[in-house]
Amino acid sequence: MQIMLHPKVKEYIFESGEKEFLLYHIKQLSDDPYNKRAEADIKKLKGKKHTLYRLRIGIHRFEYFIDNDKIWIDNAFKRERGYR
């Protein structure tokens, strides 16, 4: 599966100071976007238009959905900020 990053997500990753670590775990989503693994927890969320998933990597959270064999990561934030 191809991974598509929203421009705000790209900005978040590059400003995080953990760019390589986060990109490593995000790239692993293409192998299995549904099941958790070491240092990366995945949880199914309820979305309005799509079924959303949350990828948790340490204090970082990424919300994504899957559409037509593409993984669309559309939100990134730190744990303290919470969810929409």
N, C-alpha and C. Protein backbone atom coordinates (compact mmCIF):
# COMPACT_ATOMS: atom_id res chain seq x y z
N MET A 1 0.83 -1.19 0.00
CA MET A 1 0.00 0.00 0.00
C MET A 1 0.87 1.25 0.00
N GLN A 2 0.37 2.25 -0.65
CA GLN A 2 1.07 3.53 -0.71
C GLN A 2 0.63 4.41 0.46
N ILE A 3 1.56 5.13 1.04
CA ILE A 3 1.25 6.01 2.17
C ILE A 3 1.25 7.46 1.69
N MET A 4 0.15 8.15 1.99
CA MET A 4 0.00 9.55 1.61
C MET A 4 -0.04 10.40 2.88
N LEU A 5 0.82 11.41 2.95
CA LEU A 5 0.90 12.27 4.13
C LEU A 5 0.32 13.65 3.82
N HIS A 6 -0.54 14.11 4.68
CA HIS A 6 -1.06 15.48 4.58
C HIS A 6 0.12 16.43 4.81
N PRO A 7 0.16 17.59 4.16
CA PRO A 7 1.28 18.52 4.35
C PRO A 7 1.51 18.90 5.82
N LYS A 8 0.45 19.03 6.61
CA LYS A 8 0.61 19.35 8.03
C LYS A 8 1.26 18.20 8.79
N VAL A 9 1.01 16.97 8.36
CA VAL A 9 1.63 15.80 8.98
C VAL A 9 3.12 15.79 8.67
N LYS A 10 3.48 16.09 7.42
CA LYS A 10 4.89 16.17 7.05
C LYS A 10 5.61 17.21 7.90
N GLU A 11 5.00 18.35 8.05
CA GLU A 11 5.58 19.43 8.86
C GLU A 11 5.76 18.98 10.31
N TYR A 12 4.76 18.30 10.85
CA TYR A 12 4.83 17.80 12.23
C TYR A 12 6.01 16.84 12.39
N ILE A 13 6.16 15.92 11.44
CA ILE A 13 7.24 14.92 11.52
C ILE A 13 8.59 15.60 11.48
N PHE A 14 8.80 16.53 10.56
CA PHE A 14 10.09 17.17 10.42
C PHE A 14 10.42 18.09 11.60
N GLU A 15 9.42 18.63 12.27
CA GLU A 15 9.66 19.49 13.43
C GLU A 15 9.73 18.71 14.75
N SER A 16 9.44 17.43 14.72
CA SER A 16 9.36 16.64 15.94
C SER A 16 10.72 16.36 16.58
N GLY A 17 11.78 16.36 15.79
CA GLY A 17 13.09 15.99 16.32
C GLY A 17 13.31 14.48 16.32
N GLU A 18 12.31 13.71 15.89
CA GLU A 18 12.39 12.26 15.83
C GLU A 18 12.01 11.76 14.45
N LYS A 19 12.42 12.49 13.45
CA LYS A 19 12.02 12.24 12.06
C LYS A 19 12.26 10.79 11.62
N GLU A 20 13.47 10.28 11.80
CA GLU A 20 13.80 8.94 11.33
C GLU A 20 12.98 7.88 12.06
N PHE A 21 12.84 8.03 13.36
CA PHE A 21 12.09 7.09 14.19
C PHE A 21 10.62 7.04 13.75
N LEU A 22 10.01 8.19 13.56
CA LEU A 22 8.60 8.25 13.17
C LEU A 22 8.40 7.72 11.75
N LEU A 23 9.26 8.12 10.82
CA LEU A 23 9.12 7.65 9.44
C LEU A 23 9.30 6.14 9.33
N TYR A 24 10.18 5.57 10.15
CA TYR A 24 10.37 4.12 10.15
C TYR A 24 9.05 3.41 10.48
N HIS A 25 8.37 3.85 11.52
CA HIS A 25 7.13 3.21 11.94
C HIS A 25 5.98 3.51 10.97
N ILE A 26 5.97 4.69 10.41
CA ILE A 26 4.93 5.03 9.42
C ILE A 26 5.09 4.17 8.17
N LYS A 27 6.31 3.96 7.72
CA LYS A 27 6.55 3.13 6.54
C LYS A 27 6.11 1.69 6.77
N GLN A 28 6.17 1.22 8.00
CA GLN A 28 5.74 -0.14 8.30
C GLN A 28 4.23 -0.32 8.16
N LEU A 29 3.48 0.77 8.14
CA LEU A 29 2.04 0.68 7.93
C LEU A 29 1.70 0.04 6.59
N SER A 30 2.54 0.23 5.59
CA SER A 30 2.25 -0.33 4.27
C SER A 30 2.23 -1.85 4.29
N ASP A 31 2.95 -2.47 5.23
CA ASP A 31 2.94 -3.93 5.36
C ASP A 31 1.67 -4.43 6.03
N ASP A 32 1.25 -3.76 7.12
CA ASP A 32 0.06 -4.17 7.86
C ASP A 32 -0.51 -2.96 8.61
N PRO A 33 -1.49 -2.28 8.02
CA PRO A 33 -2.04 -1.08 8.66
C PRO A 33 -3.10 -1.36 9.72
N TYR A 34 -3.39 -2.63 10.00
CA TYR A 34 -4.48 -2.97 10.90
C TYR A 34 -4.04 -3.50 12.27
N ASN A 35 -2.85 -4.05 12.37
CA ASN A 35 -2.43 -4.72 13.60
C ASN A 35 -1.24 -4.03 14.26
N LYS A 36 -1.27 -4.00 15.59
CA LYS A 36 -0.19 -3.34 16.33
C LYS A 36 1.07 -4.18 16.28
N ARG A 37 2.18 -3.53 16.61
CA ARG A 37 3.49 -4.18 16.66
C ARG A 37 4.33 -3.48 17.71
N ALA A 38 5.52 -3.93 17.93
CA ALA A 38 6.39 -3.34 18.95
C ALA A 38 6.59 -1.85 18.70
N GLU A 39 6.40 -1.05 19.72
CA GLU A 39 6.58 0.41 19.71
C GLU A 39 5.59 1.16 18.82
N ALA A 40 4.59 0.47 18.29
CA ALA A 40 3.59 1.13 17.44
C ALA A 40 2.24 0.46 17.65
N ASP A 41 1.37 1.13 18.39
CA ASP A 41 0.05 0.59 18.70
C ASP A 41 -0.96 1.16 17.70
N ILE A 42 -1.86 0.31 17.23
CA ILE A 42 -2.88 0.73 16.28
C ILE A 42 -4.25 0.45 16.90
N LYS A 43 -5.14 1.42 16.80
CA LYS A 43 -6.48 1.27 17.34
C LYS A 43 -7.49 1.77 16.30
N LYS A 44 -8.57 1.02 16.15
CA LYS A 44 -9.63 1.42 15.24
C LYS A 44 -10.51 2.46 15.92
N LEU A 45 -10.77 3.57 15.22
CA LEU A 45 -11.62 4.64 15.73
C LEU A 45 -12.88 4.73 14.87
N LYS A 46 -13.85 5.46 15.35
CA LYS A 46 -15.07 5.67 14.55
C LYS A 46 -14.96 7.00 13.84
N GLY A 47 -15.11 6.98 12.51
CA GLY A 47 -15.03 8.20 11.73
C GLY A 47 -16.36 8.50 11.07
N LYS A 48 -16.51 9.72 10.63
CA LYS A 48 -17.75 10.14 9.98
C LYS A 48 -17.83 9.65 8.54
N LYS A 49 -16.75 9.84 7.79
CA LYS A 49 -16.75 9.44 6.38
C LYS A 49 -16.06 8.08 6.18
N HIS A 50 -14.97 7.86 6.90
CA HIS A 50 -14.17 6.65 6.75
C HIS A 50 -13.96 6.03 8.12
N THR A 51 -13.58 4.77 8.12
CA THR A 51 -13.14 4.15 9.35
C THR A 51 -11.73 4.66 9.62
N LEU A 52 -11.54 5.32 10.73
CA LEU A 52 -10.25 5.89 11.09
C LEU A 52 -9.48 4.92 11.96
N TYR A 53 -8.17 5.04 11.89
CA TYR A 53 -7.27 4.29 12.75
C TYR A 53 -6.32 5.28 13.41
N ARG A 54 -5.86 4.92 14.59
CA ARG A 54 -4.89 5.73 15.30
C ARG A 54 -3.60 4.93 15.45
N LEU A 55 -2.51 5.52 15.03
CA LEU A 55 -1.19 4.94 15.20
C LEU A 55 -0.53 5.69 16.34
N ARG A 56 -0.15 4.97 17.39
CA ARG A 56 0.50 5.57 18.54
C ARG A 56 1.96 5.15 18.54
N ILE A 57 2.85 6.16 18.49
CA ILE A 57 4.29 5.93 18.54
C ILE A 57 4.82 6.80 19.67
N GLY A 58 5.02 6.23 20.83
CA GLY A 58 5.45 7.00 21.99
C GLY A 58 4.41 8.05 22.33
N ILE A 59 4.81 9.32 22.36
CA ILE A 59 3.87 10.40 22.66
C ILE A 59 3.19 10.95 21.41
N HIS A 60 3.53 10.41 20.25
CA HIS A 60 3.00 10.91 18.98
C HIS A 60 1.79 10.08 18.55
N ARG A 61 0.80 10.77 17.98
CA ARG A 61 -0.41 10.12 17.49
C ARG A 61 -0.64 10.52 16.04
N PHE A 62 -1.02 9.55 15.24
CA PHE A 62 -1.35 9.78 13.83
C PHE A 62 -2.70 9.16 13.54
N GLU A 63 -3.59 9.90 12.93
CA GLU A 63 -4.88 9.37 12.52
C GLU A 63 -4.84 9.14 11.02
N TYR A 64 -5.32 7.98 10.60
CA TYR A 64 -5.30 7.66 9.18
C TYR A 64 -6.52 6.83 8.79
N PHE A 65 -6.78 6.80 7.49
CA PHE A 65 -7.82 5.94 6.94
C PHE A 65 -7.27 5.30 5.68
N ILE A 66 -7.93 4.23 5.26
CA ILE A 66 -7.48 3.47 4.10
C ILE A 66 -8.55 3.57 3.02
N ASP A 67 -8.11 3.93 1.81
CA ASP A 67 -9.03 4.09 0.70
C ASP A 67 -8.32 3.70 -0.59
N ASN A 68 -8.87 2.76 -1.32
CA ASN A 68 -8.31 2.33 -2.61
C ASN A 68 -6.83 1.97 -2.52
N ASP A 69 -6.47 1.11 -1.60
CA ASP A 69 -5.09 0.65 -1.41
C ASP A 69 -4.10 1.78 -1.13
N LYS A 70 -4.59 2.87 -0.55
CA LYS A 70 -3.73 3.96 -0.10
C LYS A 70 -4.04 4.25 1.35
N ILE A 71 -3.00 4.53 2.10
CA ILE A 71 -3.14 4.90 3.50
C ILE A 71 -2.99 6.42 3.56
N TRP A 72 -4.05 7.09 4.00
CA TRP A 72 -4.07 8.55 4.05
C TRP A 72 -3.89 8.99 5.50
N ILE A 73 -2.73 9.51 5.84
CA ILE A 73 -2.48 10.02 7.18
C ILE A 73 -2.83 11.50 7.16
N ASP A 74 -3.90 11.85 7.87
CA ASP A 74 -4.41 13.22 7.76
C ASP A 74 -4.32 14.04 9.03
N ASN A 75 -3.81 13.45 10.12
CA ASN A 75 -3.70 14.22 11.36
C ASN A 75 -2.54 13.67 12.20
N ALA A 76 -1.79 14.57 12.81
CA ALA A 76 -0.69 14.20 13.69
C ALA A 76 -0.66 15.16 14.87
N PHE A 77 -0.43 14.62 16.05
CA PHE A 77 -0.39 15.45 17.24
C PHE A 77 0.28 14.70 18.38
N LYS A 78 0.63 15.44 19.41
CA LYS A 78 1.20 14.83 20.61
C LYS A 78 0.07 14.39 21.53
N ARG A 79 0.37 13.48 22.38
CA ARG A 79 -0.61 12.89 23.29
C ARG A 79 -1.37 13.93 24.10
N GLU A 80 -0.69 14.96 24.56
CA GLU A 80 -1.30 15.98 25.43
C GLU A 80 -2.46 16.71 24.74
N ARG A 81 -2.38 16.85 23.42
CA ARG A 81 -3.38 17.65 22.72
C ARG A 81 -4.73 16.95 22.63
N GLY A 82 -4.74 15.67 22.51
CA GLY A 82 -6.01 14.94 22.45
C GLY A 82 -6.54 14.80 21.05
N TYR A 83 -7.76 14.32 20.97
CA TYR A 83 -8.38 14.03 19.69
C TYR A 83 -9.44 15.06 19.35
N ARG A 84 -9.79 15.16 18.08
CA ARG A 84 -10.80 16.11 17.64
C ARG A 84 -12.15 15.74 18.18
